[in-house]
Amino acid sequence: MAIAVVYLIAVNVIGYAMMGIDKERAIRGAWRISEASLFLAALLGGALGCTLGMNHFRHKTKHWYFKFGMPLILSVQVLLGICILFILRP
């Protein structure tokens, strides 16, 4: 269980950082992180970090697939987490 918590913290920090890095690169006109990579980070468990980063840095908020997709992925992950907790509970 502790490994899962450490993993989730790490992947959410990475997702948050990816949003910030991509926003900074967008401002500079530099090479960008692909949208597929941002969604992959969210799908791997980092949806909370990606969503928080998206809102904090005001990045990708005009794209409907980010505006609705990231919170949707987060909702599914929270529901799956709740289901897993009840299933694994002795």
PDB file of N, CA and C in Angstrom:
ATOM      1  N   MET A   1       0.822  -1.196   0.000  1.00  0.00           N
ATOM      2  CA  MET A   1       0.000   0.000   0.000  1.00  0.00           C
ATOM      3  C   MET A   1       0.870   1.265   0.000  1.00  0.00           C
ATOM      4  N   ALA A   2       1.966   1.226   0.759  1.00  0.00           N
ATOM      5  CA  ALA A   2       2.847   2.386   0.825  1.00  0.00           C
ATOM      6  C   ALA A   2       3.493   2.668  -0.525  1.00  0.00           C
ATOM      7  N   ILE A   3       3.801   1.620  -1.262  1.00  0.00           N
ATOM      8  CA  ILE A   3       4.400   1.792  -2.593  1.00  0.00           C
ATOM      9  C   ILE A   3       3.405   2.487  -3.524  1.00  0.00           C
ATOM     10  N   ALA A   4       2.148   2.126  -3.431  1.00  0.00           N
ATOM     11  CA  ALA A   4       1.116   2.746  -4.268  1.00  0.00           C
ATOM     12  C   ALA A   4       0.971   4.225  -3.940  1.00  0.00           C
ATOM     13  N   VAL A   5       1.031   4.572  -2.675  1.00  0.00           N
ATOM     14  CA  VAL A   5       0.918   5.981  -2.270  1.00  0.00           C
ATOM     15  C   VAL A   5       2.108   6.779  -2.788  1.00  0.00           C
ATOM     16  N   VAL A   6       3.304   6.234  -2.649  1.00  0.00           N
ATOM     17  CA  VAL A   6       4.509   6.912  -3.154  1.00  0.00           C
ATOM     18  C   VAL A   6       4.421   7.078  -4.666  1.00  0.00           C
ATOM     19  N   TYR A   7       3.966   6.032  -5.357  1.00  0.00           N
ATOM     20  CA  TYR A   7       3.806   6.102  -6.813  1.00  0.00           C
ATOM     21  C   TYR A   7       2.826   7.210  -7.198  1.00  0.00           C
ATOM     22  N   LEU A   8       1.676   7.250  -6.544  1.00  0.00           N
ATOM     23  CA  LEU A   8       0.664   8.255  -6.880  1.00  0.00           C
ATOM     24  C   LEU A   8       1.162   9.667  -6.600  1.00  0.00           C
ATOM     25  N   ILE A   9       1.862   9.846  -5.508  1.00  0.00           N
ATOM     26  CA  ILE A   9       2.428  11.168  -5.221  1.00  0.00           C
ATOM     27  C   ILE A   9       3.419  11.556  -6.316  1.00  0.00           C
ATOM     28  N   ALA A  10       4.299  10.642  -6.674  1.00  0.00           N
ATOM     29  CA  ALA A  10       5.317  10.930  -7.691  1.00  0.00           C
ATOM     30  C   ALA A  10       4.700  11.246  -9.044  1.00  0.00           C
ATOM     31  N   VAL A  11       3.746  10.444  -9.490  1.00  0.00           N
ATOM     32  CA  VAL A  11       3.171  10.659 -10.816  1.00  0.00           C
ATOM     33  C   VAL A  11       2.340  11.943 -10.847  1.00  0.00           C
ATOM     34  N   ASN A  12       1.744  12.329  -9.727  1.00  0.00           N
ATOM     35  CA  ASN A  12       0.991  13.582  -9.692  1.00  0.00           C
ATOM     36  C   ASN A  12       1.913  14.792  -9.670  1.00  0.00           C
ATOM     37  N   VAL A  13       3.032  14.693  -8.969  1.00  0.00           N
ATOM     38  CA  VAL A  13       4.027  15.774  -9.001  1.00  0.00           C
ATOM     39  C   VAL A  13       4.575  15.926 -10.417  1.00  0.00           C
ATOM     40  N   ILE A  14       4.834  14.807 -11.070  1.00  0.00           N
ATOM     41  CA  ILE A  14       5.330  14.841 -12.452  1.00  0.00           C
ATOM     42  C   ILE A  14       4.293  15.472 -13.377  1.00  0.00           C
ATOM     43  N   GLY A  15       3.026  15.091 -13.237  1.00  0.00           N
ATOM     44  CA  GLY A  15       1.969  15.665 -14.069  1.00  0.00           C
ATOM     45  C   GLY A  15       1.837  17.164 -13.872  1.00  0.00           C
ATOM     46  N   TYR A  16       1.900  17.596 -12.616  1.00  0.00           N
ATOM     47  CA  TYR A  16       1.837  19.028 -12.305  1.00  0.00           C
ATOM     48  C   TYR A  16       3.013  19.761 -12.936  1.00  0.00           C
ATOM     49  N   ALA A  17       4.200  19.194 -12.762  1.00  0.00           N
ATOM     50  CA  ALA A  17       5.404  19.809 -13.317  1.00  0.00           C
ATOM     51  C   ALA A  17       5.356  19.862 -14.841  1.00  0.00           C
ATOM     52  N   MET A  18       4.847  18.814 -15.461  1.00  0.00           N
ATOM     53  CA  MET A  18       4.759  18.791 -16.927  1.00  0.00           C
ATOM     54  C   MET A  18       3.891  19.938 -17.438  1.00  0.00           C
ATOM     55  N   MET A  19       2.793  20.211 -16.748  1.00  0.00           N
ATOM     56  CA  MET A  19       1.935  21.330 -17.155  1.00  0.00           C
ATOM     57  C   MET A  19       2.676  22.658 -17.027  1.00  0.00           C
ATOM     58  N   GLY A  20       3.402  22.824 -15.934  1.00  0.00           N
ATOM     59  CA  GLY A  20       4.164  24.061 -15.744  1.00  0.00           C
ATOM     60  C   GLY A  20       5.278  24.219 -16.760  1.00  0.00           C
ATOM     61  N   ILE A  21       5.990  23.150 -17.013  1.00  0.00           N
ATOM     62  CA  ILE A  21       7.085  23.189 -17.991  1.00  0.00           C
ATOM     63  C   ILE A  21       6.549  23.483 -19.382  1.00  0.00           C
ATOM     64  N   ASP A  22       5.441  22.833 -19.749  1.00  0.00           N
ATOM     65  CA  ASP A  22       4.880  23.062 -21.080  1.00  0.00           C
ATOM     66  C   ASP A  22       4.379  24.495 -21.230  1.00  0.00           C
ATOM     67  N   LYS A  23       3.787  25.047 -20.174  1.00  0.00           N
ATOM     68  CA  LYS A  23       3.317  26.439 -20.221  1.00  0.00           C
ATOM     69  C   LYS A  23       4.501  27.386 -20.418  1.00  0.00           C
ATOM     70  N   GLU A  24       5.577  27.147 -19.668  1.00  0.00           N
ATOM     71  CA  GLU A  24       6.755  27.996 -19.783  1.00  0.00           C
ATOM     72  C   GLU A  24       7.362  27.901 -21.182  1.00  0.00           C
ATOM     73  N   ARG A  25       7.381  26.692 -21.725  1.00  0.00           N
ATOM     74  CA  ARG A  25       7.908  26.516 -23.086  1.00  0.00           C
ATOM     75  C   ARG A  25       7.000  27.166 -24.120  1.00  0.00           C
ATOM     76  N   ALA A  26       5.704  27.147 -23.874  1.00  0.00           N
ATOM     77  CA  ALA A  26       4.772  27.798 -24.804  1.00  0.00           C
ATOM     78  C   ALA A  26       5.005  29.302 -24.829  1.00  0.00           C
ATOM     79  N   ILE A  27       5.260  29.874 -23.676  1.00  0.00           N
ATOM     80  CA  ILE A  27       5.525  31.311 -23.597  1.00  0.00           C
ATOM     81  C   ILE A  27       6.804  31.668 -24.349  1.00  0.00           C
ATOM     82  N   ARG A  28       7.834  30.818 -24.197  1.00  0.00           N
ATOM     83  CA  ARG A  28       9.114  31.070 -24.864  1.00  0.00           C
ATOM     84  C   ARG A  28       9.122  30.689 -26.328  1.00  0.00           C
ATOM     85  N   GLY A  29       8.131  29.926 -26.772  1.00  0.00           N
ATOM     86  CA  GLY A  29       8.107  29.458 -28.153  1.00  0.00           C
ATOM     87  C   GLY A  29       9.061  28.305 -28.392  1.00  0.00           C
ATOM     88  N   ALA A  30       9.398  27.592 -27.337  1.00  0.00           N
ATOM     89  CA  ALA A  30      10.350  26.483 -27.416  1.00  0.00           C
ATOM     90  C   ALA A  30       9.616  25.172 -27.715  1.00  0.00           C
ATOM     91  N   TRP A  31      10.413  24.092 -27.812  1.00  0.00           N
ATOM     92  CA  TRP A  31       9.872  22.756 -28.041  1.00  0.00           C
ATOM     93  C   TRP A  31       8.901  22.418 -26.923  1.00  0.00           C
ATOM     94  N   ARG A  32       7.760  21.808 -27.266  1.00  0.00           N
ATOM     95  CA  ARG A  32       6.677  21.575 -26.315  1.00  0.00           C
ATOM     96  C   ARG A  32       6.545  20.112 -25.954  1.00  0.00           C
ATOM     97  N   ILE A  33       5.911  19.861 -24.829  1.00  0.00           N
ATOM     98  CA  ILE A  33       5.543  18.508 -24.417  1.00  0.00           C
ATOM     99  C   ILE A  33       4.263  18.162 -25.173  1.00  0.00           C
ATOM    100  N   SER A  34       4.217  16.981 -25.759  1.00  0.00           N
ATOM    101  CA  SER A  34       3.046  16.621 -26.566  1.00  0.00           C
ATOM    102  C   SER A  34       1.810  16.450 -25.694  1.00  0.00           C
ATOM    103  N   GLU A  35       0.661  16.733 -26.293  1.00  0.00           N
ATOM    104  CA  GLU A  35      -0.598  16.555 -25.574  1.00  0.00           C
ATOM    105  C   GLU A  35      -0.797  15.098 -25.193  1.00  0.00           C
ATOM    106  N   ALA A  36      -0.318  14.196 -26.042  1.00  0.00           N
ATOM    107  CA  ALA A  36      -0.418  12.763 -25.735  1.00  0.00           C
ATOM    108  C   ALA A  36       0.366  12.435 -24.467  1.00  0.00           C
ATOM    109  N   SER A  37       1.524  13.051 -24.288  1.00  0.00           N
ATOM    110  CA  SER A  37       2.326  12.816 -23.085  1.00  0.00           C
ATOM    111  C   SER A  37       1.634  13.355 -21.837  1.00  0.00           C
ATOM    112  N   LEU A  38       0.972  14.500 -21.976  1.00  0.00           N
ATOM    113  CA  LEU A  38       0.239  15.068 -20.841  1.00  0.00           C
ATOM    114  C   LEU A  38      -0.919  14.151 -20.445  1.00  0.00           C
ATOM    115  N   PHE A  39      -1.637  13.634 -21.437  1.00  0.00           N
ATOM    116  CA  PHE A  39      -2.736  12.717 -21.137  1.00  0.00           C
ATOM    117  C   PHE A  39      -2.213  11.385 -20.611  1.00  0.00           C
ATOM    118  N   LEU A  40      -1.055  10.941 -21.097  1.00  0.00           N
ATOM    119  CA  LEU A  40      -0.479   9.694 -20.599  1.00  0.00           C
ATOM    120  C   LEU A  40      -0.142   9.819 -19.112  1.00  0.00           C
ATOM    121  N   ALA A  41       0.428  10.948 -18.728  1.00  0.00           N
ATOM    122  CA  ALA A  41       0.732  11.169 -17.312  1.00  0.00           C
ATOM    123  C   ALA A  41      -0.549  11.108 -16.481  1.00  0.00           C
ATOM    124  N   ALA A  42      -1.621  11.684 -17.001  1.00  0.00           N
ATOM    125  CA  ALA A  42      -2.910  11.648 -16.291  1.00  0.00           C
ATOM    126  C   ALA A  42      -3.446  10.222 -16.207  1.00  0.00           C
ATOM    127  N   LEU A  43      -3.372   9.498 -17.304  1.00  0.00           N
ATOM    128  CA  LEU A  43      -3.893   8.130 -17.331  1.00  0.00           C
ATOM    129  C   LEU A  43      -3.092   7.184 -16.447  1.00  0.00           C
ATOM    130  N   LEU A  44      -1.829   7.485 -16.217  1.00  0.00           N
ATOM    131  CA  LEU A  44      -0.991   6.641 -15.370  1.00  0.00           C
ATOM    132  C   LEU A  44      -1.187   6.925 -13.884  1.00  0.00           C
ATOM    133  N   GLY A  45      -2.167   7.763 -13.562  1.00  0.00           N
ATOM    134  CA  GLY A  45      -2.484   8.050 -12.170  1.00  0.00           C
ATOM    135  C   GLY A  45      -2.253   9.484 -11.765  1.00  0.00           C
ATOM    136  N   GLY A  46      -1.789  10.317 -12.683  1.00  0.00           N
ATOM    137  CA  GLY A  46      -1.467  11.699 -12.354  1.00  0.00           C
ATOM    138  C   GLY A  46      -2.519  12.713 -12.742  1.00  0.00           C
ATOM    139  N   ALA A  47      -3.765  12.297 -12.809  1.00  0.00           N
ATOM    140  CA  ALA A  47      -4.823  13.210 -13.243  1.00  0.00           C
ATOM    141  C   ALA A  47      -5.015  14.373 -12.278  1.00  0.00           C
ATOM    142  N   LEU A  48      -4.857  14.127 -10.984  1.00  0.00           N
ATOM    143  CA  LEU A  48      -5.001  15.216 -10.010  1.00  0.00           C
ATOM    144  C   LEU A  48      -3.916  16.258 -10.234  1.00  0.00           C
ATOM    145  N   GLY A  49      -2.677  15.828 -10.357  1.00  0.00           N
ATOM    146  CA  GLY A  49      -1.581  16.759 -10.596  1.00  0.00           C
ATOM    147  C   GLY A  49      -1.720  17.515 -11.901  1.00  0.00           C
ATOM    148  N   CYS A  50      -2.138  16.806 -12.950  1.00  0.00           N
ATOM    149  CA  CYS A  50      -2.337  17.460 -14.249  1.00  0.00           C
ATOM    150  C   CYS A  50      -3.470  18.482 -14.184  1.00  0.00           C
ATOM    151  N   THR A  51      -4.547  18.127 -13.523  1.00  0.00           N
ATOM    152  CA  THR A  51      -5.694  19.040 -13.410  1.00  0.00           C
ATOM    153  C   THR A  51      -5.319  20.266 -12.582  1.00  0.00           C
ATOM    154  N   LEU A  52      -4.647  20.046 -11.464  1.00  0.00           N
ATOM    155  CA  LEU A  52      -4.214  21.180 -10.639  1.00  0.00           C
ATOM    156  C   LEU A  52      -3.224  22.054 -11.401  1.00  0.00           C
ATOM    157  N   GLY A  53      -2.283  21.442 -12.115  1.00  0.00           N
ATOM    158  CA  GLY A  53      -1.316  22.198 -12.902  1.00  0.00           C
ATOM    159  C   GLY A  53      -1.982  22.972 -14.028  1.00  0.00           C
ATOM    160  N   MET A  54      -2.941  22.338 -14.666  1.00  0.00           N
ATOM    161  CA  MET A  54      -3.663  22.982 -15.754  1.00  0.00           C
ATOM    162  C   MET A  54      -4.365  24.249 -15.249  1.00  0.00           C
ATOM    163  N   ASN A  55      -4.991  24.158 -14.090  1.00  0.00           N
ATOM    164  CA  ASN A  55      -5.703  25.311 -13.534  1.00  0.00           C
ATOM    165  C   ASN A  55      -4.751  26.341 -12.939  1.00  0.00           C
ATOM    166  N   HIS A  56      -3.707  25.890 -12.256  1.00  0.00           N
ATOM    167  CA  HIS A  56      -2.773  26.821 -11.634  1.00  0.00           C
ATOM    168  C   HIS A  56      -2.003  27.637 -12.676  1.00  0.00           C
ATOM    169  N   PHE A  57      -1.513  26.969 -13.706  1.00  0.00           N
ATOM    170  CA  PHE A  57      -0.730  27.653 -14.741  1.00  0.00           C
ATOM    171  C   PHE A  57      -1.611  28.222 -15.855  1.00  0.00           C
ATOM    172  N   ARG A  58      -2.916  27.988 -15.757  1.00  0.00           N
ATOM    173  CA  ARG A  58      -3.874  28.397 -16.801  1.00  0.00           C
ATOM    174  C   ARG A  58      -3.391  27.933 -18.170  1.00  0.00           C
ATOM    175  N   HIS A  59      -3.125  26.639 -18.227  1.00  0.00           N
ATOM    176  CA  HIS A  59      -2.562  26.043 -19.433  1.00  0.00           C
ATOM    177  C   HIS A  59      -3.511  24.979 -19.967  1.00  0.00           C
ATOM    178  N   LYS A  60      -3.800  25.044 -21.235  1.00  0.00           N
ATOM    179  CA  LYS A  60      -4.675  24.092 -21.934  1.00  0.00           C
ATOM    180  C   LYS A  60      -6.133  24.210 -21.487  1.00  0.00           C
ATOM    181  N   THR A  61      -6.497  25.281 -20.828  1.00  0.00           N
ATOM    182  CA  THR A  61      -7.864  25.412 -20.310  1.00  0.00           C
ATOM    183  C   THR A  61      -8.874  25.777 -21.401  1.00  0.00           C
ATOM    184  N   LYS A  62      -8.408  26.200 -22.551  1.00  0.00           N
ATOM    185  CA  LYS A  62      -9.328  26.536 -23.645  1.00  0.00           C
ATOM    186  C   LYS A  62      -9.610  25.344 -24.547  1.00  0.00           C
ATOM    187  N   HIS A  63      -8.850  24.275 -24.365  1.00  0.00           N
ATOM    188  CA  HIS A  63      -9.060  23.064 -25.161  1.00  0.00           C
ATOM    189  C   HIS A  63     -10.112  22.210 -24.459  1.00  0.00           C
ATOM    190  N   TRP A  64     -11.226  21.951 -25.128  1.00  0.00           N
ATOM    191  CA  TRP A  64     -12.320  21.225 -24.481  1.00  0.00           C
ATOM    192  C   TRP A  64     -11.887  19.846 -24.012  1.00  0.00           C
ATOM    193  N   TYR A  65     -11.004  19.196 -24.771  1.00  0.00           N
ATOM    194  CA  TYR A  65     -10.601  17.847 -24.394  1.00  0.00           C
ATOM    195  C   TYR A  65      -9.719  17.850 -23.151  1.00  0.00           C
ATOM    196  N   PHE A  66      -9.057  18.944 -22.835  1.00  0.00           N
ATOM    197  CA  PHE A  66      -8.342  19.058 -21.569  1.00  0.00           C
ATOM    198  C   PHE A  66      -9.297  19.539 -20.475  1.00  0.00           C
ATOM    199  N   LYS A  67     -10.102  20.523 -20.801  1.00  0.00           N
ATOM    200  CA  LYS A  67     -11.014  21.116 -19.823  1.00  0.00           C
ATOM    201  C   LYS A  67     -11.961  20.069 -19.229  1.00  0.00           C
ATOM    202  N   PHE A  68     -12.430  19.148 -20.064  1.00  0.00           N
ATOM    203  CA  PHE A  68     -13.346  18.117 -19.584  1.00  0.00           C
ATOM    204  C   PHE A  68     -12.667  16.759 -19.423  1.00  0.00           C
ATOM    205  N   GLY A  69     -11.628  16.506 -20.195  1.00  0.00           N
ATOM    206  CA  GLY A  69     -10.964  15.206 -20.162  1.00  0.00           C
ATOM    207  C   GLY A  69     -10.190  14.943 -18.885  1.00  0.00           C
ATOM    208  N   MET A  70      -9.412  15.920 -18.443  1.00  0.00           N
ATOM    209  CA  MET A  70      -8.620  15.725 -17.227  1.00  0.00           C
ATOM    210  C   MET A  70      -9.507  15.495 -16.003  1.00  0.00           C
ATOM    211  N   PRO A  71     -10.532  16.331 -15.770  1.00  0.00           N
ATOM    212  CA  PRO A  71     -11.410  16.051 -14.624  1.00  0.00           C
ATOM    213  C   PRO A  71     -12.163  14.724 -14.762  1.00  0.00           C
ATOM    214  N   LEU A  72     -12.485  14.329 -15.974  1.00  0.00           N
ATOM    215  CA  LEU A  72     -13.154  13.044 -16.177  1.00  0.00           C
ATOM    216  C   LEU A  72     -12.221  11.893 -15.801  1.00  0.00           C
ATOM    217  N   ILE A  73     -10.978  11.961 -16.241  1.00  0.00           N
ATOM    218  CA  ILE A  73      -9.995  10.936 -15.886  1.00  0.00           C
ATOM    219  C   ILE A  73      -9.820  10.907 -14.366  1.00  0.00           C
ATOM    220  N   LEU A  74      -9.742  12.079 -13.751  1.00  0.00           N
ATOM    221  CA  LEU A  74      -9.609  12.163 -12.294  1.00  0.00           C
ATOM    222  C   LEU A  74     -10.802  11.519 -11.600  1.00  0.00           C
ATOM    223  N   SER A  75     -12.007  11.787 -12.076  1.00  0.00           N
ATOM    224  CA  SER A  75     -13.212  11.205 -11.475  1.00  0.00           C
ATOM    225  C   SER A  75     -13.196   9.685 -11.562  1.00  0.00           C
ATOM    226  N   VAL A  76     -12.818   9.170 -12.710  1.00  0.00           N
ATOM    227  CA  VAL A  76     -12.742   7.712 -12.888  1.00  0.00           C
ATOM    228  C   VAL A  76     -11.692   7.124 -11.953  1.00  0.00           C
ATOM    229  N   GLN A  77     -10.549   7.796 -11.823  1.00  0.00           N
ATOM    230  CA  GLN A  77      -9.501   7.295 -10.949  1.00  0.00           C
ATOM    231  C   GLN A  77      -9.934   7.309  -9.483  1.00  0.00           C
ATOM    232  N   VAL A  78     -10.636   8.342  -9.070  1.00  0.00           N
ATOM    233  CA  VAL A  78     -11.124   8.397  -7.689  1.00  0.00           C
ATOM    234  C   VAL A  78     -12.127   7.274  -7.445  1.00  0.00           C
ATOM    235  N   LEU A  79     -13.052   7.064  -8.375  1.00  0.00           N
ATOM    236  CA  LEU A  79     -14.028   5.984  -8.223  1.00  0.00           C
ATOM    237  C   LEU A  79     -13.354   4.619  -8.191  1.00  0.00           C
ATOM    238  N   LEU A  80     -12.369   4.414  -9.056  1.00  0.00           N
ATOM    239  CA  LEU A  80     -11.631   3.150  -9.033  1.00  0.00           C
ATOM    240  C   LEU A  80     -10.878   2.972  -7.719  1.00  0.00           C
ATOM    241  N   GLY A  81     -10.302   4.037  -7.224  1.00  0.00           N
ATOM    242  CA  GLY A  81      -9.593   3.976  -5.952  1.00  0.00           C
ATOM    243  C   GLY A  81     -10.515   3.609  -4.801  1.00  0.00           C
ATOM    244  N   ILE A  82     -11.706   4.191  -4.790  1.00  0.00           N
ATOM    245  CA  ILE A  82     -12.688   3.866  -3.751  1.00  0.00           C
ATOM    246  C   ILE A  82     -13.104   2.407  -3.860  1.00  0.00           C
ATOM    247  N   CYS A  83     -13.367   1.946  -5.075  1.00  0.00           N
ATOM    248  CA  CYS A  83     -13.749   0.544  -5.277  1.00  0.00           C
ATOM    249  C   CYS A  83     -12.636  -0.402  -4.826  1.00  0.00           C
ATOM    250  N   ILE A  84     -11.394  -0.076  -5.160  1.00  0.00           N
ATOM    251  CA  ILE A  84     -10.273  -0.927  -4.780  1.00  0.00           C
ATOM    252  C   ILE A  84     -10.123  -0.962  -3.255  1.00  0.00           C
ATOM    253  N   LEU A  85     -10.303   0.187  -2.609  1.00  0.00           N
ATOM    254  CA  LEU A  85     -10.189   0.220  -1.143  1.00  0.00           C
ATOM    255  C   LEU A  85     -11.238  -0.684  -0.496  1.00  0.00           C
ATOM    256  N   PHE A  86     -12.453  -0.676  -1.027  1.00  0.00           N
ATOM    257  CA  PHE A  86     -13.499  -1.517  -0.446  1.00  0.00           C
ATOM    258  C   PHE A  86     -13.295  -2.994  -0.759  1.00  0.00           C
ATOM    259  N   ILE A  87     -12.715  -3.288  -1.910  1.00  0.00           N
ATOM    260  CA  ILE A  87     -12.465  -4.683  -2.266  1.00  0.00           C
ATOM    261  C   ILE A  87     -11.314  -5.253  -1.463  1.00  0.00           C
ATOM    262  N   LEU A  88     -10.251  -4.459  -1.267  1.00  0.00           N
ATOM    263  CA  LEU A  88      -9.073  -4.935  -0.559  1.00  0.00           C
ATOM    264  C   LEU A  88      -9.235  -4.894   0.961  1.00  0.00           C
ATOM    265  N   ARG A  89     -10.286  -4.269   1.405  1.00  0.00           N
ATOM    266  CA  ARG A  89     -10.529  -4.150   2.845  1.00  0.00           C
ATOM    267  C   ARG A  89     -10.848  -5.512   3.450  1.00  0.00           C
ATOM    268  N   PRO A  90     -10.192  -5.881   4.542  1.00  0.00           N
ATOM    269  CA  PRO A  90     -10.449  -7.210   5.143  1.00  0.00           C
ATOM    270  C   PRO A  90     -11.768  -7.275   5.881  1.00  0.00           C
TER     271      PRO A  90
END
